[in-house]
Each structure stands twice: as structure tokens, then as C-alpha cells.
Amino acid sequence: MSSEVVVYELTLKNELMVPLDARRVRPDEFIGKTLSEIKAIEVREGNTKVKLSELFDVTGPEKAPDDPNLIEIRLSGKGTNKIRYLGFKMAGGKIVVKGDIGPLAGYKMRDGSIIIEGNARGWLGAKMRNGTIEVFGNAADFVGGKLQGEEPGKGMKKGTIIIHGNAGSNVGAGMAGGTIIIEGNVKHLAGAKMCGGNIIIHGNCGRFAGARMTRGRVVVAGKIDGILPSFYVDSLIPKAKVKKILFEKPFMIFMGDAVVGGMGMLYISYEDNKDLLSYYEELIKEVKL
């Protein structure tokens, strides 16, 4: 049995005008199927069930391997931003999107990797259990988060999400584990209700980071719009290393959210927020006296 990765190219025939539920487009759904069987997989375009081959030109080997980790799916064409649930519960293999992707990509993902060369809409990697998602553009709200109305801890459990651009609000909302890395800026409520895991923000952060968090760690390496009064200052450190990422500059560490008896950690770049943090620095000095 060959151990070489095979590639299936799925190219949209026409621009999508309505949402496409593509939860069956994943490597573990392709395993062991012939090319004809893959083309016959049903997806839902709006309210209508259609075969994959009705919407996509599908090319690849005549028979898929039995191991999902030997399968790569490449999606392209106009309107990929209307594709939702891509990689739903996927358990291995690789998906590459040559463009933007719609909401809930990687929802409940269990393993494997998804690479998005454009932007991602809401709930990217929501409730994921493992695997890796990488976005080379921007991401919208609730990256790695729980669904609205769910209890804290119902967000991502394990895995890694990397956003090379910016992200919206509620990054990691309700997450219980795993790592989210944002190379750009994020909006408000990063790490809200998180119960574990790491959120690393290389850029700036909006308001209310860590609101009602009980465990976990949020790192803001740029400017922050404000710190909730329910976080108390713990220490000032000369540099920080989080998940093998080294920041060669000082950080002030806060603990909270005290409103829920939380022991989460909020790392705030000192150099980027001197005006905001100078008051807390005086508190640290008083404690040491």
C-alpha cells in the first residue's frame, strides 16, 4: 500500500450564490471511495440536495486511500466564502482553500489540518477537539469559541488555530484548551468565559479581554483598550515565553476574573501600555515593601 499523499481538486463550476453546506467534504468521508462515488457525495445548496459533481469539477485518483491522512482536498473557485461547515468533525488529512471560506469551518474538528489562503468567516474552529487550522487572511468573530448560549468550556478543547491577519470579537470564547495565535489585532472580549488554553495576540486588543474567565492565559503583545477592574495585578516580568513563543520585552501579569473566582492569567505588554500600567506598577512596589 502506497504511503504517498493523493490530491483531489474541487473547482467550482459557477460562482456560488447561496450558502453551501459542505460538511461531507472532508478526507475521512473520501476514504476507500472511487472517484465516481466521491462525485456522487451529496451536499446541500441552500435547501436542495445536490451531488458534488453538479457544483464542482472533481479530479483525483480513481480510488482514495483507506487512510484519511493520505488525502488532501483542494477547494477553489468563485464564491468559496459561501461554503460552510467545511471539515466538520474531520478526523485526519488536509484541506486547502484557495480563497475565502464561510462560517463554521473546522467545526468540531477532531484531527488533520485546514489551510485557508484567504479570509474566514465566523466560528472558525468552533468546538474543535484537535488538529490545526491556519488562515493567511483575517478571521471574523468567535474563533475557536463556543456557540452562543452554551456553557463556558464548550469551546475548543485541543488543537491550534493560527491567524496571520486580524480577528474579530470573542476570540476563544468559552474555550477549554488548545492554542489560538493571532499575528494581527483582535476586537473585544478575547478569552471571554475561557476555562483553559492559550490565546496569543501579537497585535492590539480591544476591551474586556478575559471577561469571566476561570482558567487559561491571554497574552496581549500590543496595546490593549483597557483592563477589567475585576483583574488584580500579580507581577511584572522582564520577558515572557508562551507555547515556545519568546517575547523579549516586559509583561505585566494580571489574575482573574475575580467576579467568577477565576484564576486565569492576562499578560499585558508593559512597553506598549505604560500609561495604563504605571498605576499598577506602583501597587506592585507597595506590596514588595
C-alpha atoms as a PDB file:
ATOM      1  CA  MET A   1       0.000   0.000   0.000  1.00  0.00           C
ATOM      2  CA  SER A   2       1.415   3.378  -1.078  1.00  0.00           C
ATOM      3  CA  SER A   3       2.066   5.938   1.653  1.00  0.00           C
ATOM      4  CA  GLU A   4       2.072   8.852  -0.790  1.00  0.00           C
ATOM      5  CA  VAL A   5      -0.473  11.639  -0.276  1.00  0.00           C
ATOM      6  CA  VAL A   6      -3.079  11.904  -3.037  1.00  0.00           C
ATOM      7  CA  VAL A   7      -4.776  15.156  -4.038  1.00  0.00           C
ATOM      8  CA  TYR A   8      -8.392  15.777  -5.007  1.00  0.00           C
ATOM      9  CA  GLU A   9      -9.080  19.096  -6.743  1.00  0.00           C
ATOM     10  CA  LEU A  10     -12.580  20.517  -6.311  1.00  0.00           C
ATOM     11  CA  THR A  11     -13.149  23.565  -8.526  1.00  0.00           C
ATOM     12  CA  LEU A  12     -16.471  25.386  -8.512  1.00  0.00           C
ATOM     13  CA  LYS A  13     -18.107  25.379 -11.955  1.00  0.00           C
ATOM     14  CA  ASN A  14     -20.011  28.586 -11.272  1.00  0.00           C
ATOM     15  CA  GLU A  15     -19.973  31.247  -8.561  1.00  0.00           C
ATOM     16  CA  LEU A  16     -21.991  30.171  -5.518  1.00  0.00           C
ATOM     17  CA  MET A  17     -24.954  32.469  -4.899  1.00  0.00           C
ATOM     18  CA  VAL A  18     -26.452  30.747  -1.829  1.00  0.00           C
ATOM     19  CA  PRO A  19     -24.844  29.007   1.190  1.00  0.00           C
ATOM     20  CA  LEU A  20     -23.437  25.534   0.604  1.00  0.00           C
ATOM     21  CA  ASP A  21     -23.385  23.033   3.477  1.00  0.00           C
ATOM     22  CA  ALA A  22     -20.195  21.087   2.761  1.00  0.00           C
ATOM     23  CA  ARG A  23     -19.888  19.095   5.996  1.00  0.00           C
ATOM     24  CA  ARG A  24     -19.269  15.909   3.984  1.00  0.00           C
ATOM     25  CA  VAL A  25     -16.308  17.446   2.153  1.00  0.00           C
ATOM     26  CA  ARG A  26     -13.512  16.074   4.296  1.00  0.00           C
ATOM     27  CA  PRO A  27     -10.763  13.450   3.854  1.00  0.00           C
ATOM     28  CA  ASP A  28     -12.319  10.831   6.157  1.00  0.00           C
ATOM     29  CA  GLU A  29     -15.506  10.973   4.054  1.00  0.00           C
ATOM     30  CA  PHE A  30     -13.472  10.191   0.924  1.00  0.00           C
ATOM     31  CA  ILE A  31     -11.577   7.143   2.258  1.00  0.00           C
ATOM     32  CA  GLY A  32     -11.924   3.986   0.190  1.00  0.00           C
ATOM     33  CA  LYS A  33     -14.291   5.590  -2.317  1.00  0.00           C
ATOM     34  CA  THR A  34     -13.918   5.539  -6.073  1.00  0.00           C
ATOM     35  CA  LEU A  35     -13.799   8.834  -7.940  1.00  0.00           C
ATOM     36  CA  SER A  36     -17.376   8.237  -9.121  1.00  0.00           C
ATOM     37  CA  GLU A  37     -18.528   7.693  -5.548  1.00  0.00           C
ATOM     38  CA  ILE A  38     -16.801  10.891  -4.425  1.00  0.00           C
ATOM     39  CA  LYS A  39     -18.502  12.853  -7.199  1.00  0.00           C
ATOM     40  CA  ALA A  40     -21.840  11.436  -6.027  1.00  0.00           C
ATOM     41  CA  ILE A  41     -21.430  12.660  -2.421  1.00  0.00           C
ATOM     42  CA  GLU A  42     -24.439  14.802  -1.539  1.00  0.00           C
ATOM     43  CA  VAL A  43     -24.095  18.350  -0.287  1.00  0.00           C
ATOM     44  CA  ARG A  44     -26.831  20.883   0.387  1.00  0.00           C
ATOM     45  CA  GLU A  45     -27.011  24.012  -1.753  1.00  0.00           C
ATOM     46  CA  GLY A  46     -29.477  26.209   0.086  1.00  0.00           C
ATOM     47  CA  ASN A  47     -32.395  23.849   0.748  1.00  0.00           C
ATOM     48  CA  THR A  48     -31.565  21.492  -2.112  1.00  0.00           C
ATOM     49  CA  LYS A  49     -29.526  18.296  -2.029  1.00  0.00           C
ATOM     50  CA  VAL A  50     -27.126  18.083  -4.960  1.00  0.00           C
ATOM     51  CA  LYS A  51     -24.232  15.843  -5.931  1.00  0.00           C
ATOM     52  CA  LEU A  52     -20.725  17.208  -5.537  1.00  0.00           C
ATOM     53  CA  SER A  53     -20.161  16.879  -9.297  1.00  0.00           C
ATOM     54  CA  GLU A  54     -23.110  19.187 -10.028  1.00  0.00           C
ATOM     55  CA  LEU A  55     -21.269  22.086  -8.419  1.00  0.00           C
ATOM     56  CA  PHE A  56     -17.601  21.148  -8.741  1.00  0.00           C
ATOM     57  CA  ASP A  57     -15.211  19.796 -11.309  1.00  0.00           C
ATOM     58  CA  VAL A  58     -13.700  16.937  -9.295  1.00  0.00           C
ATOM     59  CA  THR A  59     -10.339  15.461 -10.251  1.00  0.00           C
ATOM     60  CA  GLY A  60      -8.111  12.966  -8.482  1.00  0.00           C
ATOM     61  CA  PRO A  61      -7.095   9.309  -8.407  1.00  0.00           C
ATOM     62  CA  GLU A  62      -9.620   6.616  -9.320  1.00  0.00           C
ATOM     63  CA  LYS A  63      -9.690   5.313  -5.766  1.00  0.00           C
ATOM     64  CA  ALA A  64      -8.990   7.064  -2.479  1.00  0.00           C
ATOM     65  CA  PRO A  65      -6.682   5.528   0.150  1.00  0.00           C
ATOM     66  CA  ASP A  66      -8.132   3.979   3.302  1.00  0.00           C
ATOM     67  CA  ASP A  67      -6.114   6.363   5.478  1.00  0.00           C
ATOM     68  CA  PRO A  68      -7.514   9.925   5.676  1.00  0.00           C
ATOM     69  CA  ASN A  69      -4.025  11.249   6.423  1.00  0.00           C
ATOM     70  CA  LEU A  70      -3.043  10.328   2.862  1.00  0.00           C
ATOM     71  CA  ILE A  71      -5.780  12.515   1.374  1.00  0.00           C
ATOM     72  CA  GLU A  72      -5.581  16.229   0.550  1.00  0.00           C
ATOM     73  CA  ILE A  73      -8.598  18.150  -0.730  1.00  0.00           C
ATOM     74  CA  ARG A  74      -8.071  21.450  -2.551  1.00  0.00           C
ATOM     75  CA  LEU A  75     -11.031  23.794  -2.983  1.00  0.00           C
ATOM     76  CA  SER A  76     -11.101  26.732  -5.387  1.00  0.00           C
ATOM     77  CA  GLY A  77     -13.391  28.898  -7.485  1.00  0.00           C
ATOM     78  CA  LYS A  78     -15.683  31.905  -7.071  1.00  0.00           C
ATOM     79  CA  GLY A  79     -17.913  32.027  -4.014  1.00  0.00           C
ATOM     80  CA  THR A  80     -15.966  29.782  -1.654  1.00  0.00           C
ATOM     81  CA  ASN A  81     -16.898  32.271   1.099  1.00  0.00           C
ATOM     82  CA  LYS A  82     -20.417  30.786   0.951  1.00  0.00           C
ATOM     83  CA  ILE A  83     -19.167  27.295   1.833  1.00  0.00           C
ATOM     84  CA  ARG A  84     -19.948  26.452   5.465  1.00  0.00           C
ATOM     85  CA  TYR A  85     -19.180  23.525   7.785  1.00  0.00           C
ATOM     86  CA  LEU A  86     -16.115  22.604   5.720  1.00  0.00           C
ATOM     87  CA  GLY A  87     -14.132  19.961   7.611  1.00  0.00           C
ATOM     88  CA  PHE A  88     -16.983  19.264  10.046  1.00  0.00           C
ATOM     89  CA  LYS A  89     -15.759  16.615  12.510  1.00  0.00           C
ATOM     90  CA  MET A  90     -12.854  15.766  10.187  1.00  0.00           C
ATOM     91  CA  ALA A  91     -10.580  13.122  11.673  1.00  0.00           C
ATOM     92  CA  GLY A  92      -7.409  13.491   9.620  1.00  0.00           C
ATOM     93  CA  GLY A  93      -5.950  14.551   6.299  1.00  0.00           C
ATOM     94  CA  LYS A  94      -5.684  18.030   4.855  1.00  0.00           C
ATOM     95  CA  ILE A  95      -7.997  20.593   3.282  1.00  0.00           C
ATOM     96  CA  VAL A  96      -6.666  23.628   1.404  1.00  0.00           C
ATOM     97  CA  VAL A  97      -8.971  26.503   0.440  1.00  0.00           C
ATOM     98  CA  LYS A  98      -7.605  28.711  -2.313  1.00  0.00           C
ATOM     99  CA  GLY A  99      -9.704  31.699  -1.332  1.00  0.00           C
ATOM    100  CA  ASP A 100     -12.108  32.727   1.428  1.00  0.00           C
ATOM    101  CA  ILE A 101     -14.240  30.325   3.455  1.00  0.00           C
ATOM    102  CA  GLY A 102     -17.664  30.646   5.062  1.00  0.00           C
ATOM    103  CA  PRO A 103     -18.723  30.154   8.696  1.00  0.00           C
ATOM    104  CA  LEU A 104     -18.092  27.126  10.912  1.00  0.00           C
ATOM    105  CA  ALA A 105     -15.056  25.795   9.045  1.00  0.00           C
ATOM    106  CA  GLY A 106     -13.437  23.107  11.192  1.00  0.00           C
ATOM    107  CA  TYR A 107     -16.479  22.889  13.466  1.00  0.00           C
ATOM    108  CA  LYS A 108     -15.965  20.019  15.939  1.00  0.00           C
ATOM    109  CA  MET A 109     -12.778  19.081  14.047  1.00  0.00           C
ATOM    110  CA  ARG A 110     -11.026  16.063  15.572  1.00  0.00           C
ATOM    111  CA  ASP A 111      -7.704  15.890  13.692  1.00  0.00           C
ATOM    112  CA  GLY A 112      -5.914  16.870  10.499  1.00  0.00           C
ATOM    113  CA  SER A 113      -5.293  20.338   9.093  1.00  0.00           C
ATOM    114  CA  ILE A 114      -7.203  23.052   7.267  1.00  0.00           C
ATOM    115  CA  ILE A 115      -5.350  25.806   5.416  1.00  0.00           C
ATOM    116  CA  ILE A 116      -7.288  28.867   4.244  1.00  0.00           C
ATOM    117  CA  GLU A 117      -5.388  31.124   1.874  1.00  0.00           C
ATOM    118  CA  GLY A 118      -7.940  33.939   2.177  1.00  0.00           C
ATOM    119  CA  ASN A 119     -10.276  35.112   4.948  1.00  0.00           C
ATOM    120  CA  ALA A 120     -12.507  33.082   7.261  1.00  0.00           C
ATOM    121  CA  ARG A 121     -15.983  33.951   8.461  1.00  0.00           C
ATOM    122  CA  GLY A 122     -17.422  33.352  11.944  1.00  0.00           C
ATOM    123  CA  TRP A 123     -16.922  30.446  14.335  1.00  0.00           C
ATOM    124  CA  LEU A 124     -13.732  29.188  12.701  1.00  0.00           C
ATOM    125  CA  GLY A 125     -12.674  26.041  14.598  1.00  0.00           C
ATOM    126  CA  ALA A 126     -15.603  26.347  16.977  1.00  0.00           C
ATOM    127  CA  LYS A 127     -15.749  23.439  19.439  1.00  0.00           C
ATOM    128  CA  MET A 128     -12.750  21.765  17.764  1.00  0.00           C
ATOM    129  CA  ARG A 129     -11.241  18.784  19.570  1.00  0.00           C
ATOM    130  CA  ASN A 130      -7.830  18.609  17.879  1.00  0.00           C
ATOM    131  CA  GLY A 131      -5.986  19.417  14.676  1.00  0.00           C
ATOM    132  CA  THR A 132      -4.606  22.589  13.108  1.00  0.00           C
ATOM    133  CA  ILE A 133      -6.247  25.468  11.263  1.00  0.00           C
ATOM    134  CA  GLU A 134      -4.184  28.167   9.565  1.00  0.00           C
ATOM    135  CA  VAL A 135      -5.635  31.314   7.973  1.00  0.00           C
ATOM    136  CA  PHE A 136      -3.454  33.576   5.842  1.00  0.00           C
ATOM    137  CA  GLY A 137      -6.006  36.398   5.795  1.00  0.00           C
ATOM    138  CA  ASN A 138      -8.347  37.649   8.518  1.00  0.00           C
ATOM    139  CA  ALA A 139     -10.912  35.834  10.649  1.00  0.00           C
ATOM    140  CA  ALA A 140     -14.279  37.016  11.949  1.00  0.00           C
ATOM    141  CA  ASP A 141     -15.845  36.549  15.412  1.00  0.00           C
ATOM    142  CA  PHE A 142     -15.758  33.553  17.785  1.00  0.00           C
ATOM    143  CA  VAL A 143     -12.539  31.918  16.548  1.00  0.00           C
ATOM    144  CA  GLY A 144     -12.254  28.623  18.483  1.00  0.00           C
ATOM    145  CA  GLY A 145     -15.270  29.581  20.518  1.00  0.00           C
ATOM    146  CA  LYS A 146     -18.425  28.004  21.827  1.00  0.00           C
ATOM    147  CA  LEU A 147     -21.846  28.638  20.362  1.00  0.00           C
ATOM    148  CA  GLN A 148     -23.913  31.439  21.846  1.00  0.00           C
ATOM    149  CA  GLY A 149     -25.920  30.317  24.849  1.00  0.00           C
ATOM    150  CA  GLU A 150     -23.661  27.378  25.671  1.00  0.00           C
ATOM    151  CA  GLU A 151     -21.895  26.990  28.988  1.00  0.00           C
ATOM    152  CA  PRO A 152     -18.252  28.084  29.461  1.00  0.00           C
ATOM    153  CA  GLY A 153     -15.827  25.340  28.467  1.00  0.00           C
ATOM    154  CA  LYS A 154     -17.831  24.266  25.412  1.00  0.00           C
ATOM    155  CA  GLY A 155     -15.397  25.922  23.012  1.00  0.00           C
ATOM    156  CA  MET A 156     -12.260  24.322  21.558  1.00  0.00           C
ATOM    157  CA  LYS A 157     -10.649  21.587  23.667  1.00  0.00           C
ATOM    158  CA  LYS A 158      -7.302  20.963  21.925  1.00  0.00           C
ATOM    159  CA  GLY A 159      -5.509  21.851  18.738  1.00  0.00           C
ATOM    160  CA  THR A 160      -4.010  25.012  17.246  1.00  0.00           C
ATOM    161  CA  ILE A 161      -5.505  27.885  15.263  1.00  0.00           C
ATOM    162  CA  ILE A 162      -3.156  30.392  13.610  1.00  0.00           C
ATOM    163  CA  ILE A 163      -4.450  33.633  12.076  1.00  0.00           C
ATOM    164  CA  HIS A 164      -1.830  35.579  10.125  1.00  0.00           C
ATOM    165  CA  GLY A 165      -4.093  38.628   9.882  1.00  0.00           C
ATOM    166  CA  ASN A 166      -6.631  40.142  12.267  1.00  0.00           C
ATOM    167  CA  ALA A 167      -9.572  38.573  14.107  1.00  0.00           C
ATOM    168  CA  GLY A 168     -12.929  39.823  15.345  1.00  0.00           C
ATOM    169  CA  SER A 169     -14.568  39.724  18.759  1.00  0.00           C
ATOM    170  CA  ASN A 170     -14.907  36.822  21.203  1.00  0.00           C
ATOM    171  CA  VAL A 171     -11.736  35.020  20.142  1.00  0.00           C
ATOM    172  CA  GLY A 172     -11.592  31.803  22.190  1.00  0.00           C
ATOM    173  CA  ALA A 173     -14.905  32.457  23.931  1.00  0.00           C
ATOM    174  CA  GLY A 174     -15.568  29.567  26.295  1.00  0.00           C
ATOM    175  CA  MET A 175     -12.510  27.593  25.156  1.00  0.00           C
ATOM    176  CA  ALA A 176     -11.226  24.843  27.458  1.00  0.00           C
ATOM    177  CA  GLY A 177      -7.841  24.076  25.881  1.00  0.00           C
ATOM    178  CA  GLY A 178      -5.664  24.395  22.811  1.00  0.00           C
ATOM    179  CA  THR A 179      -3.868  27.439  21.419  1.00  0.00           C
ATOM    180  CA  ILE A 180      -5.021  30.357  19.301  1.00  0.00           C
ATOM    181  CA  ILE A 181      -2.358  32.610  17.776  1.00  0.00           C
ATOM    182  CA  ILE A 182      -3.310  35.943  16.180  1.00  0.00           C
ATOM    183  CA  GLU A 183      -0.498  37.739  14.408  1.00  0.00           C
ATOM    184  CA  GLY A 184      -2.549  40.902  13.923  1.00  0.00           C
ATOM    185  CA  ASN A 185      -5.143  42.675  16.059  1.00  0.00           C
ATOM    186  CA  VAL A 186      -8.333  41.450  17.716  1.00  0.00           C
ATOM    187  CA  LYS A 187     -11.525  43.204  18.766  1.00  0.00           C
ATOM    188  CA  HIS A 188     -13.351  42.968  22.090  1.00  0.00           C
ATOM    189  CA  LEU A 189     -13.893  40.131  24.592  1.00  0.00           C
ATOM    190  CA  ALA A 190     -10.886  37.980  23.701  1.00  0.00           C
ATOM    191  CA  GLY A 191     -10.915  34.953  26.011  1.00  0.00           C
ATOM    192  CA  ALA A 192     -14.349  35.686  27.450  1.00  0.00           C
ATOM    193  CA  LYS A 193     -15.543  32.810  29.667  1.00  0.00           C
ATOM    194  CA  MET A 194     -12.480  30.721  28.764  1.00  0.00           C
ATOM    195  CA  CYS A 195     -11.680  27.801  31.077  1.00  0.00           C
ATOM    196  CA  GLY A 196      -8.252  26.814  29.750  1.00  0.00           C
ATOM    197  CA  GLY A 197      -5.831  27.055  26.857  1.00  0.00           C
ATOM    198  CA  ASN A 198      -3.825  29.937  25.422  1.00  0.00           C
ATOM    199  CA  ILE A 199      -4.663  32.962  23.299  1.00  0.00           C
ATOM    200  CA  ILE A 200      -1.605  34.780  21.966  1.00  0.00           C
ATOM    201  CA  ILE A 201      -2.221  38.167  20.341  1.00  0.00           C
ATOM    202  CA  HIS A 202       0.814  39.710  18.662  1.00  0.00           C
ATOM    203  CA  GLY A 203      -1.012  42.945  17.865  1.00  0.00           C
ATOM    204  CA  ASN A 204      -3.552  45.097  19.676  1.00  0.00           C
ATOM    205  CA  CYS A 205      -6.612  44.040  21.657  1.00  0.00           C
ATOM    206  CA  GLY A 206     -10.000  45.657  22.267  1.00  0.00           C
ATOM    207  CA  ARG A 207     -11.910  45.890  25.558  1.00  0.00           C
ATOM    208  CA  PHE A 208     -12.856  43.338  28.218  1.00  0.00           C
ATOM    209  CA  ALA A 209     -10.190  40.690  27.498  1.00  0.00           C
ATOM    210  CA  GLY A 210     -10.673  37.678  29.759  1.00  0.00           C
ATOM    211  CA  ALA A 211     -14.134  38.683  30.954  1.00  0.00           C
ATOM    212  CA  ARG A 212     -15.436  35.929  33.280  1.00  0.00           C
ATOM    213  CA  MET A 213     -12.518  33.627  32.504  1.00  0.00           C
ATOM    214  CA  THR A 214     -11.723  30.991  35.142  1.00  0.00           C
ATOM    215  CA  ARG A 215      -8.539  29.416  33.733  1.00  0.00           C
ATOM    216  CA  GLY A 216      -6.232  29.806  30.787  1.00  0.00           C
ATOM    217  CA  ARG A 217      -3.971  32.557  29.523  1.00  0.00           C
ATOM    218  CA  VAL A 218      -4.413  35.573  27.253  1.00  0.00           C
ATOM    219  CA  VAL A 219      -1.253  37.299  26.013  1.00  0.00           C
ATOM    220  CA  VAL A 220      -1.506  40.797  24.513  1.00  0.00           C
ATOM    221  CA  ALA A 221       1.806  41.828  22.966  1.00  0.00           C
ATOM    222  CA  GLY A 222       0.493  45.142  21.649  1.00  0.00           C
ATOM    223  CA  LYS A 223      -1.828  47.813  23.034  1.00  0.00           C
ATOM    224  CA  ILE A 224      -4.984  46.978  24.980  1.00  0.00           C
ATOM    225  CA  ASP A 225      -8.012  49.279  25.225  1.00  0.00           C
ATOM    226  CA  GLY A 226      -8.487  48.625  28.928  1.00  0.00           C
ATOM    227  CA  ILE A 227      -8.313  46.068  31.742  1.00  0.00           C
ATOM    228  CA  LEU A 228     -11.373  44.978  33.679  1.00  0.00           C
ATOM    229  CA  PRO A 229     -11.326  46.131  37.333  1.00  0.00           C
ATOM    230  CA  SER A 230     -12.022  42.525  38.364  1.00  0.00           C
ATOM    231  CA  PHE A 231      -8.445  41.577  37.394  1.00  0.00           C
ATOM    232  CA  TYR A 232      -5.773  42.153  40.015  1.00  0.00           C
ATOM    233  CA  VAL A 233      -2.116  42.724  39.285  1.00  0.00           C
ATOM    234  CA  ASP A 234       0.248  39.877  40.140  1.00  0.00           C
ATOM    235  CA  SER A 235       3.736  40.712  38.864  1.00  0.00           C
ATOM    236  CA  LEU A 236       5.956  42.409  36.292  1.00  0.00           C
ATOM    237  CA  ILE A 237       8.282  40.079  34.372  1.00  0.00           C
ATOM    238  CA  PRO A 238      11.213  41.075  32.090  1.00  0.00           C
ATOM    239  CA  LYS A 239      10.200  38.736  29.240  1.00  0.00           C
ATOM    240  CA  ALA A 240       7.671  36.005  28.512  1.00  0.00           C
ATOM    241  CA  LYS A 241       7.709  32.619  26.827  1.00  0.00           C
ATOM    242  CA  VAL A 242       4.342  31.094  25.967  1.00  0.00           C
ATOM    243  CA  LYS A 243       3.963  27.888  23.915  1.00  0.00           C
ATOM    244  CA  LYS A 244       7.567  28.210  22.694  1.00  0.00           C
ATOM    245  CA  ILE A 245       6.984  31.810  21.548  1.00  0.00           C
ATOM    246  CA  LEU A 246       9.504  34.130  23.181  1.00  0.00           C
ATOM    247  CA  PHE A 247       8.696  37.808  23.745  1.00  0.00           C
ATOM    248  CA  GLU A 248      11.860  39.746  24.577  1.00  0.00           C
ATOM    249  CA  LYS A 249      10.082  42.548  26.414  1.00  0.00           C
ATOM    250  CA  PRO A 250       8.446  43.052  29.827  1.00  0.00           C
ATOM    251  CA  PHE A 251       4.885  41.975  30.593  1.00  0.00           C
ATOM    252  CA  MET A 252       2.599  42.758  33.493  1.00  0.00           C
ATOM    253  CA  ILE A 253       0.581  39.750  34.643  1.00  0.00           C
ATOM    254  CA  PHE A 254      -2.966  40.035  35.961  1.00  0.00           C
ATOM    255  CA  MET A 255      -5.139  37.337  37.552  1.00  0.00           C
ATOM    256  CA  GLY A 256      -8.909  36.974  37.217  1.00  0.00           C
ATOM    257  CA  ASP A 257     -11.703  37.234  36.540  1.00  0.00           C
ATOM    258  CA  ALA A 258     -12.404  37.759  40.254  1.00  0.00           C
ATOM    259  CA  VAL A 259     -16.140  38.154  39.535  1.00  0.00           C
ATOM    260  CA  VAL A 260     -16.301  34.379  38.965  1.00  0.00           C
ATOM    261  CA  GLY A 261     -13.420  33.440  41.288  1.00  0.00           C
ATOM    262  CA  GLY A 262     -11.225  32.913  38.263  1.00  0.00           C
ATOM    263  CA  MET A 263      -7.517  32.111  38.209  1.00  0.00           C
ATOM    264  CA  GLY A 264      -6.908  32.995  34.590  1.00  0.00           C
ATOM    265  CA  MET A 265      -3.819  34.929  33.545  1.00  0.00           C
ATOM    266  CA  LEU A 266      -3.701  38.082  31.461  1.00  0.00           C
ATOM    267  CA  TYR A 267      -0.267  39.071  30.115  1.00  0.00           C
ATOM    268  CA  ILE A 268      -0.108  42.718  29.011  1.00  0.00           C
ATOM    269  CA  SER A 269       2.878  44.245  27.200  1.00  0.00           C
ATOM    270  CA  TYR A 270       4.352  46.863  29.510  1.00  0.00           C
ATOM    271  CA  GLU A 271       6.156  48.951  26.890  1.00  0.00           C
ATOM    272  CA  ASP A 272       3.038  49.279  24.743  1.00  0.00           C
ATOM    273  CA  ASN A 273       0.780  50.239  27.648  1.00  0.00           C
ATOM    274  CA  LYS A 274       2.947  52.322  30.007  1.00  0.00           C
ATOM    275  CA  ASP A 275       0.308  54.971  30.650  1.00  0.00           C
ATOM    276  CA  LEU A 276      -2.260  52.338  31.598  1.00  0.00           C
ATOM    277  CA  LEU A 277       0.079  50.154  33.650  1.00  0.00           C
ATOM    278  CA  SER A 278       2.050  52.747  35.618  1.00  0.00           C
ATOM    279  CA  TYR A 279      -0.628  52.777  38.336  1.00  0.00           C
ATOM    280  CA  TYR A 280      -0.383  49.004  38.756  1.00  0.00           C
ATOM    281  CA  GLU A 281       3.413  49.190  38.861  1.00  0.00           C
ATOM    282  CA  GLU A 282       3.117  51.364  41.966  1.00  0.00           C
ATOM    283  CA  LEU A 283       0.859  48.699  43.554  1.00  0.00           C
ATOM    284  CA  ILE A 284       3.491  46.024  42.907  1.00  0.00           C
ATOM    285  CA  LYS A 285       6.170  48.197  44.570  1.00  0.00           C
ATOM    286  CA  GLU A 286       3.958  48.777  47.618  1.00  0.00           C
ATOM    287  CA  VAL A 287       3.405  45.041  48.081  1.00  0.00           C
ATOM    288  CA  LYS A 288       7.164  44.391  47.982  1.00  0.00           C
ATOM    289  CA  LEU A 289       7.893  46.999  50.658  1.00  0.00           C
END
